[in-house]
């Protein structure tokens, strides 16, 4: 019989990458984590870790063991969901991670609905970009993540996660005041020599925006980088930059800048929720997803 706690540590190492990261996340010392994994190796009877420089990586046998651990944990998630479903009221804590726009536009209304319907459910919200939040969901740091997918850049969640579509959010070109209006087919090209504000390099939003500008025949002059779309709005308002903004950034208030449709049609990002496989039937997850759908201002 393998020790489930040690199996969880091995799984954590796969998703977090280093012994130090596992130790920090679980409030252990690295030596304690290493000792527990050594005991697991003794239980299994084969090496589970091999050194790579100053780090370690999982052996093929460890990868097999982690795959089975994922299946066991999925069944445990289903068991938790079934137990919670059998109760008459929702209790405990629901940990949500969301990127900024959804946190501003969707979560406040959804939280009000959850508070009114389930006053004993404690909801904890962290603002975090999907690139960090989805791996953290796998590492058990969150119970539900609100994430996004940009046109032409599909990155389906790992197989250990379940995804449910929430809404589509139209993306538009935000022109600085003082720039001449243009036909939508030419609006991007007209701003080819203008400074731009975009999300940081390496994000899906940045890849999409850069690809869009290149398709219009120019390399954008990105002088401002931030994940804060409210800063993007302010820079456009003051005439410092052009931007590509989603409709949800206005969350019920009128736009304060000139917006143009984008060329090539169908330019909208998909917003979805993700949970660990087996947890989608948990009544707290179901209640949260229902509240988010009802809070969607695009409905």
Protein backbone atom coordinates (compact mmCIF):
# COMPACT_ATOMS: atom_id res chain seq x y z
CA UNK A 1 0.00 0.00 0.00
CA UNK A 2 1.46 3.35 -1.06
CA UNK A 3 1.15 6.31 1.29
CA UNK A 4 -1.27 8.86 -0.23
CA UNK A 5 0.43 11.82 1.43
CA UNK A 6 3.75 10.88 -0.18
CA UNK A 7 2.04 10.33 -3.52
CA UNK A 8 0.64 13.87 -3.24
CA UNK A 9 4.16 15.18 -2.65
CA UNK A 10 5.40 13.45 -5.79
CA UNK A 11 2.51 14.94 -7.73
CA UNK A 12 3.26 18.37 -6.28
CA UNK A 13 6.86 18.04 -7.45
CA UNK A 14 5.68 17.32 -10.99
CA UNK A 15 3.49 20.42 -11.07
CA UNK A 16 5.70 22.83 -9.08
CA UNK A 17 9.04 21.77 -10.51
CA UNK A 18 11.38 21.94 -7.52
CA UNK A 19 11.62 20.54 -4.01
CA UNK A 20 11.92 24.09 -2.69
CA UNK A 21 8.66 25.12 -4.39
CA UNK A 22 6.85 22.09 -2.95
CA UNK A 23 8.24 22.84 0.50
CA UNK A 24 7.24 26.51 0.33
CA UNK A 25 3.71 25.71 -0.87
CA UNK A 26 3.10 23.11 1.85
CA UNK A 27 5.02 24.81 4.68
CA UNK A 28 7.61 22.02 4.92
CA UNK A 29 11.37 22.13 4.80
CA UNK A 30 12.99 20.92 1.54
CA UNK A 31 14.80 18.21 3.51
CA UNK A 32 11.48 16.96 4.90
CA UNK A 33 9.98 16.74 1.41
CA UNK A 34 13.10 14.93 0.17
CA UNK A 35 12.91 12.49 3.08
CA UNK A 36 9.24 11.69 2.38
CA UNK A 37 9.96 11.07 -1.29
CA UNK A 38 12.85 8.78 -0.36
CA UNK A 39 10.45 6.76 1.80
CA UNK A 40 8.06 6.58 -1.16
CA UNK A 41 10.90 5.23 -3.32
CA UNK A 42 11.42 2.50 -0.73
CA UNK A 43 7.70 1.67 -0.80
CA UNK A 44 7.61 1.50 -4.60
CA UNK A 45 10.94 -0.26 -4.96
CA UNK A 46 12.26 1.77 -7.92
CA UNK A 47 14.00 5.16 -8.26
CA UNK A 48 11.49 8.01 -8.61
CA UNK A 49 13.86 10.97 -8.91
CA UNK A 50 17.07 11.57 -10.80
CA UNK A 51 19.44 14.53 -10.47
CA UNK A 52 19.66 17.14 -13.23
CA UNK A 53 22.28 19.67 -12.22
CA UNK A 54 21.14 21.09 -8.89
CA UNK A 55 17.55 19.99 -9.44
CA UNK A 56 15.76 16.67 -9.76
CA UNK A 57 13.28 15.33 -12.28
CA UNK A 58 10.82 12.48 -12.22
CA UNK A 59 11.83 9.13 -13.67
CA UNK A 60 9.51 7.38 -16.18
CA UNK A 61 8.31 5.17 -13.33
CA UNK A 62 7.50 8.25 -11.25
CA UNK A 63 5.48 9.67 -14.15
CA UNK A 64 3.46 6.44 -14.23
CA UNK A 65 2.86 6.72 -10.50
CA UNK A 66 1.76 10.36 -10.80
CA UNK A 67 -0.73 9.43 -13.53
CA UNK A 68 -2.31 6.88 -11.19
CA UNK A 69 -2.22 9.40 -8.36
CA UNK A 70 -4.15 11.86 -10.54
CA UNK A 71 -6.82 9.18 -11.06
CA UNK A 72 -7.04 8.53 -7.31
CA UNK A 73 -7.29 12.25 -6.55
CA UNK A 74 -10.01 12.65 -9.18
CA UNK A 75 -12.07 9.99 -7.40
CA UNK A 76 -11.48 11.77 -4.10
CA UNK A 77 -12.67 15.03 -5.68
CA UNK A 78 -15.82 13.22 -6.78
CA UNK A 79 -16.26 11.82 -3.28
CA UNK A 80 -16.01 15.33 -1.80
CA UNK A 81 -18.56 16.55 -4.33
CA UNK A 82 -20.96 13.72 -3.51
CA UNK A 83 -20.65 14.37 0.24
CA UNK A 84 -21.22 18.10 -0.25
CA UNK A 85 -24.25 17.36 -2.44
CA UNK A 86 -25.77 15.26 0.34
CA UNK A 87 -25.74 18.24 2.73
CA UNK A 88 -28.57 20.73 2.96
CA UNK A 89 -26.37 23.84 2.99
CA UNK A 90 -23.07 24.90 1.42
CA UNK A 91 -20.24 25.50 3.87
CA UNK A 92 -16.45 25.63 3.75
CA UNK A 93 -14.20 27.80 1.57
CA UNK A 94 -14.22 28.22 -2.22
CA UNK A 95 -10.90 29.57 -3.57
CA UNK A 96 -11.19 31.44 -6.87
CA UNK A 97 -8.47 32.91 -9.09
CA UNK A 98 -9.43 35.40 -11.78
CA UNK A 99 -7.71 37.78 -14.18
CA UNK A 100 -8.44 41.48 -13.72
CA UNK A 101 -11.22 42.16 -16.23
CA UNK A 102 -13.37 39.24 -15.11
CA UNK A 103 -12.69 40.11 -11.47
CA UNK A 104 -14.04 43.62 -12.08
CA UNK A 105 -16.90 42.84 -14.46
CA UNK A 106 -18.24 39.48 -13.25
CA UNK A 107 -17.14 38.63 -9.74
CA UNK A 108 -18.75 41.38 -7.61
CA UNK A 109 -22.25 40.53 -8.85
CA UNK A 110 -21.58 36.80 -8.67
CA UNK A 111 -20.28 37.15 -5.11
CA UNK A 112 -23.45 38.97 -4.10
CA UNK A 113 -25.54 36.14 -5.50
CA UNK A 114 -23.44 33.53 -3.69
CA UNK A 115 -23.61 35.44 -0.41
CA UNK A 116 -27.39 35.76 -0.62
CA UNK A 117 -27.99 32.14 -1.63
CA UNK A 118 -25.28 30.48 0.49
CA UNK A 119 -24.34 32.72 3.44
CA UNK A 120 -22.23 30.01 5.11
CA UNK A 121 -19.99 29.55 2.07
CA UNK A 122 -16.74 31.49 2.43
CA UNK A 123 -15.32 32.69 -0.89
CA UNK A 124 -11.66 33.71 -1.23
CA UNK A 125 -10.64 35.53 -4.43
CA UNK A 126 -7.13 36.09 -5.78
CA UNK A 127 -6.38 38.19 -8.85
CA UNK A 128 -3.94 36.21 -10.97
CA UNK A 129 -3.27 35.85 -14.69
CA UNK A 130 -4.31 32.51 -16.26
CA UNK A 131 -0.69 31.65 -17.14
CA UNK A 132 -0.02 31.35 -13.40
CA UNK A 133 -3.49 30.47 -12.13
CA UNK A 134 -4.09 27.31 -14.16
CA UNK A 135 -0.86 25.58 -13.00
CA UNK A 136 -1.71 26.72 -9.46
CA UNK A 137 -5.15 25.11 -9.84
CA UNK A 138 -3.44 21.82 -10.66
CA UNK A 139 -1.22 22.31 -7.63
CA UNK A 140 -4.35 22.58 -5.41
CA UNK A 141 -3.89 26.29 -4.63
CA UNK A 142 -7.35 27.14 -6.04
CA UNK A 143 -10.68 25.41 -6.55
CA UNK A 144 -11.83 27.35 -9.63
CA UNK A 145 -10.02 29.58 -12.11
CA UNK A 146 -11.57 32.13 -14.46
CA UNK A 147 -9.35 32.15 -17.55
CA UNK A 148 -9.29 33.42 -21.13
CA UNK A 149 -8.40 32.19 -24.61
CA UNK A 150 -7.52 34.57 -27.45
CA UNK A 151 -8.39 34.09 -31.14
CA UNK A 152 -5.93 31.90 -33.01
CA UNK A 153 -4.11 30.96 -29.83
CA UNK A 154 -5.96 27.96 -28.38
CA UNK A 155 -4.23 26.43 -25.39
CA UNK A 156 -6.62 23.84 -23.99
CA UNK A 157 -6.23 23.21 -20.26
CA UNK A 158 -4.32 20.07 -19.24
CA UNK A 159 -6.25 16.82 -19.20
CA UNK A 160 -6.46 16.95 -15.41
CA UNK A 161 -8.74 20.01 -15.66
CA UNK A 162 -12.37 20.42 -16.70
CA UNK A 163 -13.32 23.53 -18.69
CA UNK A 164 -16.73 25.21 -19.03
CA UNK A 165 -17.37 28.14 -21.38
CA UNK A 166 -18.58 31.31 -19.70
CA UNK A 167 -18.90 33.99 -22.42
CA UNK A 168 -17.25 35.66 -25.39
CA UNK A 169 -15.74 39.12 -25.01
CA UNK A 170 -15.40 41.23 -28.16
CA UNK A 171 -12.02 42.89 -28.71
CA UNK A 172 -11.75 46.34 -30.28
CA UNK A 173 -9.16 48.89 -31.32
CA UNK A 174 -8.98 51.83 -28.91
CA UNK A 175 -7.78 54.98 -30.70
CA UNK A 176 -6.10 57.84 -28.84
CA UNK A 177 -7.93 61.15 -28.96
CA UNK A 178 -6.76 63.27 -31.85
CA UNK A 179 -6.02 60.40 -34.23
CA UNK A 180 -8.11 60.53 -37.41
CA UNK A 181 -10.96 58.03 -37.81
CA UNK A 182 -10.37 55.32 -40.36
CA UNK A 183 -12.15 52.51 -42.12
CA UNK A 184 -11.97 49.40 -39.87
CA UNK A 185 -9.90 47.66 -42.54
CA UNK A 186 -7.30 50.42 -42.29
CA UNK A 187 -7.65 51.45 -38.64
CA UNK A 188 -4.73 49.31 -37.43
CA UNK A 189 -2.43 50.39 -40.25
CA UNK A 190 -3.20 54.08 -39.59
CA UNK A 191 -1.74 53.63 -36.10
CA UNK A 192 1.36 51.76 -37.28
CA UNK A 193 3.66 54.61 -36.24
CA UNK A 194 1.84 55.37 -32.99
CA UNK A 195 3.02 54.11 -29.55
CA UNK A 196 1.12 51.11 -28.20
CA UNK A 197 0.27 49.70 -24.77
CA UNK A 198 0.03 45.91 -24.56
CA UNK A 199 0.22 43.15 -22.01
CA UNK A 200 3.71 41.83 -21.20
CA UNK A 201 5.66 39.64 -23.61
CA UNK A 202 4.94 35.95 -23.18
CA UNK A 203 1.24 36.36 -22.41
CA UNK A 204 -1.44 35.05 -24.74
CA UNK A 205 -2.89 38.54 -25.09
CA UNK A 206 0.47 39.89 -26.26
CA UNK A 207 0.95 37.09 -28.78
CA UNK A 208 -2.50 37.72 -30.23
CA UNK A 209 -2.03 41.50 -30.40
CA UNK A 210 1.40 41.24 -32.03
CA UNK A 211 0.11 38.75 -34.60
CA UNK A 212 -2.81 41.05 -35.42
CA UNK A 213 -0.51 44.03 -36.03
CA UNK A 214 1.89 42.00 -38.15
CA UNK A 215 -1.04 40.80 -40.27
CA UNK A 216 -1.80 44.48 -40.87
CA UNK A 217 1.77 44.97 -42.11
CA UNK A 218 3.66 46.54 -39.21
CA UNK A 219 5.55 45.76 -36.01
CA UNK A 220 3.90 47.61 -33.10
CA UNK A 221 5.99 50.15 -31.17
CA UNK A 222 5.17 48.86 -27.68
CA UNK A 223 6.27 51.51 -25.21
CA UNK A 224 4.03 50.51 -22.31
CA UNK A 225 3.54 47.01 -20.88
CA UNK A 226 1.08 46.08 -18.15
CA UNK A 227 -1.50 43.43 -17.27
CA UNK A 228 -3.62 46.26 -15.81
CA UNK A 229 -6.15 47.10 -18.53
CA UNK A 230 -7.34 50.12 -16.58
CA UNK A 231 -3.87 51.56 -17.15
CA UNK A 232 -4.29 50.77 -20.86
CA UNK A 233 -7.52 52.77 -20.83
CA UNK A 234 -5.91 55.73 -19.07
CA UNK A 235 -2.99 55.85 -21.51
CA UNK A 236 -5.40 55.86 -24.46
CA UNK A 237 -7.53 58.55 -22.81
CA UNK A 238 -4.48 60.79 -22.42
CA UNK A 239 -3.35 60.20 -26.01
CA UNK A 240 -0.15 58.34 -25.06
CA UNK A 241 -0.90 55.03 -26.76
CA UNK A 242 -3.23 52.94 -28.88
CA UNK A 243 -4.57 49.74 -27.38
CA UNK A 244 -6.62 46.61 -28.06
CA UNK A 245 -9.35 46.48 -25.43
CA UNK A 246 -12.07 43.93 -24.58
CA UNK A 247 -15.63 45.11 -24.09
CA UNK A 248 -15.72 43.81 -20.50
CA UNK A 249 -13.19 46.45 -19.46
CA UNK A 250 -16.08 48.94 -19.38
CA UNK A 251 -18.22 46.62 -17.18
CA UNK A 252 -21.47 48.58 -17.52
CA UNK A 253 -20.15 52.09 -18.04
CA UNK A 254 -19.89 53.90 -21.37
CA UNK A 255 -16.53 53.80 -23.18
CA UNK A 256 -14.33 56.86 -22.66
CA UNK A 257 -12.26 56.38 -25.83
CA UNK A 258 -12.95 55.88 -29.53
CA UNK A 259 -13.46 52.20 -30.32
CA UNK A 260 -13.28 50.58 -33.75
CA UNK A 261 -14.06 47.02 -34.81
CA UNK A 262 -11.03 44.97 -35.73
CA UNK A 263 -10.33 43.64 -39.21
CA UNK A 264 -10.51 39.95 -40.14
CA UNK A 265 -13.80 39.46 -38.24
CA UNK A 266 -14.71 37.43 -35.19
CA UNK A 267 -12.13 39.02 -32.92
CA UNK A 268 -13.31 37.96 -29.47
CA UNK A 269 -11.66 36.17 -26.60
CA UNK A 270 -13.35 33.24 -24.89
CA UNK A 271 -13.73 33.40 -21.13
CA UNK A 272 -14.09 30.09 -19.33
CA UNK A 273 -13.90 28.51 -15.89
CA UNK A 274 -11.64 25.58 -15.08
CA UNK A 275 -11.63 23.14 -12.16
CA UNK A 276 -9.76 19.96 -11.37
CA UNK A 277 -11.27 16.90 -13.00
CA UNK A 278 -13.88 15.34 -10.75
CA UNK A 279 -14.67 18.58 -8.91
CA UNK A 280 -17.10 20.03 -11.44
CA UNK A 281 -20.07 18.36 -9.72
CA UNK A 282 -19.27 19.92 -6.33
CA UNK A 283 -22.27 22.07 -5.36
CA UNK A 284 -20.05 25.05 -4.50
CA UNK A 285 -18.51 24.92 -7.98
CA UNK A 286 -21.92 24.53 -9.60
CA UNK A 287 -23.30 27.46 -7.58
CA UNK A 288 -20.33 29.64 -8.49
CA UNK A 289 -20.55 28.84 -12.18
CA UNK A 290 -24.28 29.53 -12.18
CA UNK A 291 -23.72 32.90 -10.48
CA UNK A 292 -21.00 33.83 -12.98
CA UNK A 293 -23.30 33.04 -15.90
CA UNK A 294 -26.05 35.17 -14.36
CA UNK A 295 -23.59 38.02 -13.76
CA UNK A 296 -22.40 38.04 -17.39
CA UNK A 297 -23.30 41.51 -18.73
CA UNK A 298 -23.19 40.22 -22.32
CA UNK A 299 -26.18 37.92 -21.78
